[in-house]
């Protein structure tokens, strides 16, 4: 039987599916008898769902300035580019 610490360490992999079947079954069995780990996995799922719903972060002013500078800079040409 897995310990709570082992379940917590593998909870994300368990939810996302990359664990081998044996480990998935071991975690599922632990979750059947451990209310604390069930709560932890539910909270982790809620956190992941909430984060997926957030809009993507906006670029910082520094990043925008850097991009603007790159687009406005004349392109360096070599002899091979002009052929």
Protein backbone atom coordinates (compact mmCIF):
# COMPACT_ATOMS: atom_id res chain seq x y z
CA UNK A 1 0.00 0.00 0.00
CA UNK A 2 1.28 3.45 -0.87
CA UNK A 3 1.77 6.08 1.79
CA UNK A 4 0.10 9.48 1.68
CA UNK A 5 3.46 11.04 0.86
CA UNK A 6 3.89 8.72 -2.14
CA UNK A 7 0.39 9.49 -3.37
CA UNK A 8 0.99 13.23 -3.05
CA UNK A 9 4.25 12.92 -4.98
CA UNK A 10 2.48 11.13 -7.85
CA UNK A 11 -0.87 12.94 -7.77
CA UNK A 12 -0.24 15.15 -10.80
CA UNK A 13 0.96 12.20 -12.88
CA UNK A 14 -2.06 10.22 -11.70
CA UNK A 15 -4.44 12.95 -12.85
CA UNK A 16 -2.68 13.51 -16.18
CA UNK A 17 -2.39 9.82 -16.98
CA UNK A 18 1.31 9.04 -17.65
CA UNK A 19 1.62 6.50 -14.81
CA UNK A 20 1.79 2.78 -15.52
CA UNK A 21 -1.44 0.88 -14.83
CA UNK A 22 -0.07 -0.78 -11.68
CA UNK A 23 0.79 2.58 -10.07
CA UNK A 24 -2.56 4.05 -11.12
CA UNK A 25 -4.33 1.15 -9.42
CA UNK A 26 -2.22 1.50 -6.28
CA UNK A 27 -3.13 5.18 -6.04
CA UNK A 28 -6.80 4.48 -6.75
CA UNK A 29 -6.84 1.89 -3.94
CA UNK A 30 -5.22 4.35 -1.56
CA UNK A 31 -7.76 7.02 -2.49
CA UNK A 32 -10.59 4.61 -1.66
CA UNK A 33 -9.48 4.41 1.96
CA UNK A 34 -7.84 7.81 2.57
CA UNK A 35 -10.11 10.85 2.81
CA UNK A 36 -7.14 13.18 3.22
CA UNK A 37 -5.59 12.14 -0.09
CA UNK A 38 -8.97 12.24 -1.84
CA UNK A 39 -9.35 15.83 -0.65
CA UNK A 40 -5.81 16.65 -1.78
CA UNK A 41 -6.41 15.21 -5.28
CA UNK A 42 -9.73 17.09 -5.55
CA UNK A 43 -8.02 20.33 -4.55
CA UNK A 44 -5.23 19.72 -7.04
CA UNK A 45 -7.79 19.07 -9.79
CA UNK A 46 -9.65 22.26 -8.90
CA UNK A 47 -6.41 24.24 -8.96
CA UNK A 48 -5.45 22.84 -12.37
CA UNK A 49 -8.91 23.57 -13.75
CA UNK A 50 -8.83 27.13 -12.42
CA UNK A 51 -5.37 27.78 -13.88
CA UNK A 52 -6.44 26.44 -17.28
CA UNK A 53 -9.30 28.95 -17.34
CA UNK A 54 -7.08 31.97 -16.72
CA UNK A 55 -6.22 34.12 -19.73
CA UNK A 56 -2.64 33.90 -20.95
CA UNK A 57 -0.30 36.41 -19.32
CA UNK A 58 0.42 39.62 -21.18
CA UNK A 59 4.02 40.35 -22.15
CA UNK A 60 5.86 42.78 -19.90
CA UNK A 61 6.75 46.28 -21.07
CA UNK A 62 10.36 45.16 -21.24
CA UNK A 63 9.46 42.26 -23.54
CA UNK A 64 7.38 44.55 -25.76
CA UNK A 65 10.22 47.06 -26.00
CA UNK A 66 12.66 44.29 -26.91
CA UNK A 67 10.36 43.00 -29.67
CA UNK A 68 9.76 46.48 -31.01
CA UNK A 69 13.50 47.07 -31.14
CA UNK A 70 14.02 43.80 -33.03
CA UNK A 71 11.35 44.63 -35.60
CA UNK A 72 12.65 48.16 -36.12
CA UNK A 73 16.33 47.21 -36.43
CA UNK A 74 17.67 47.00 -39.97
CA UNK A 75 18.39 43.44 -40.94
CA UNK A 76 22.02 42.57 -41.22
CA UNK A 77 22.70 41.21 -44.64
CA UNK A 78 25.55 39.03 -45.67
CA UNK A 79 26.70 38.34 -49.18
CA UNK A 80 24.75 35.09 -49.11
CA UNK A 81 21.49 36.86 -48.16
CA UNK A 82 21.65 39.20 -51.14
CA UNK A 83 22.12 36.45 -53.70
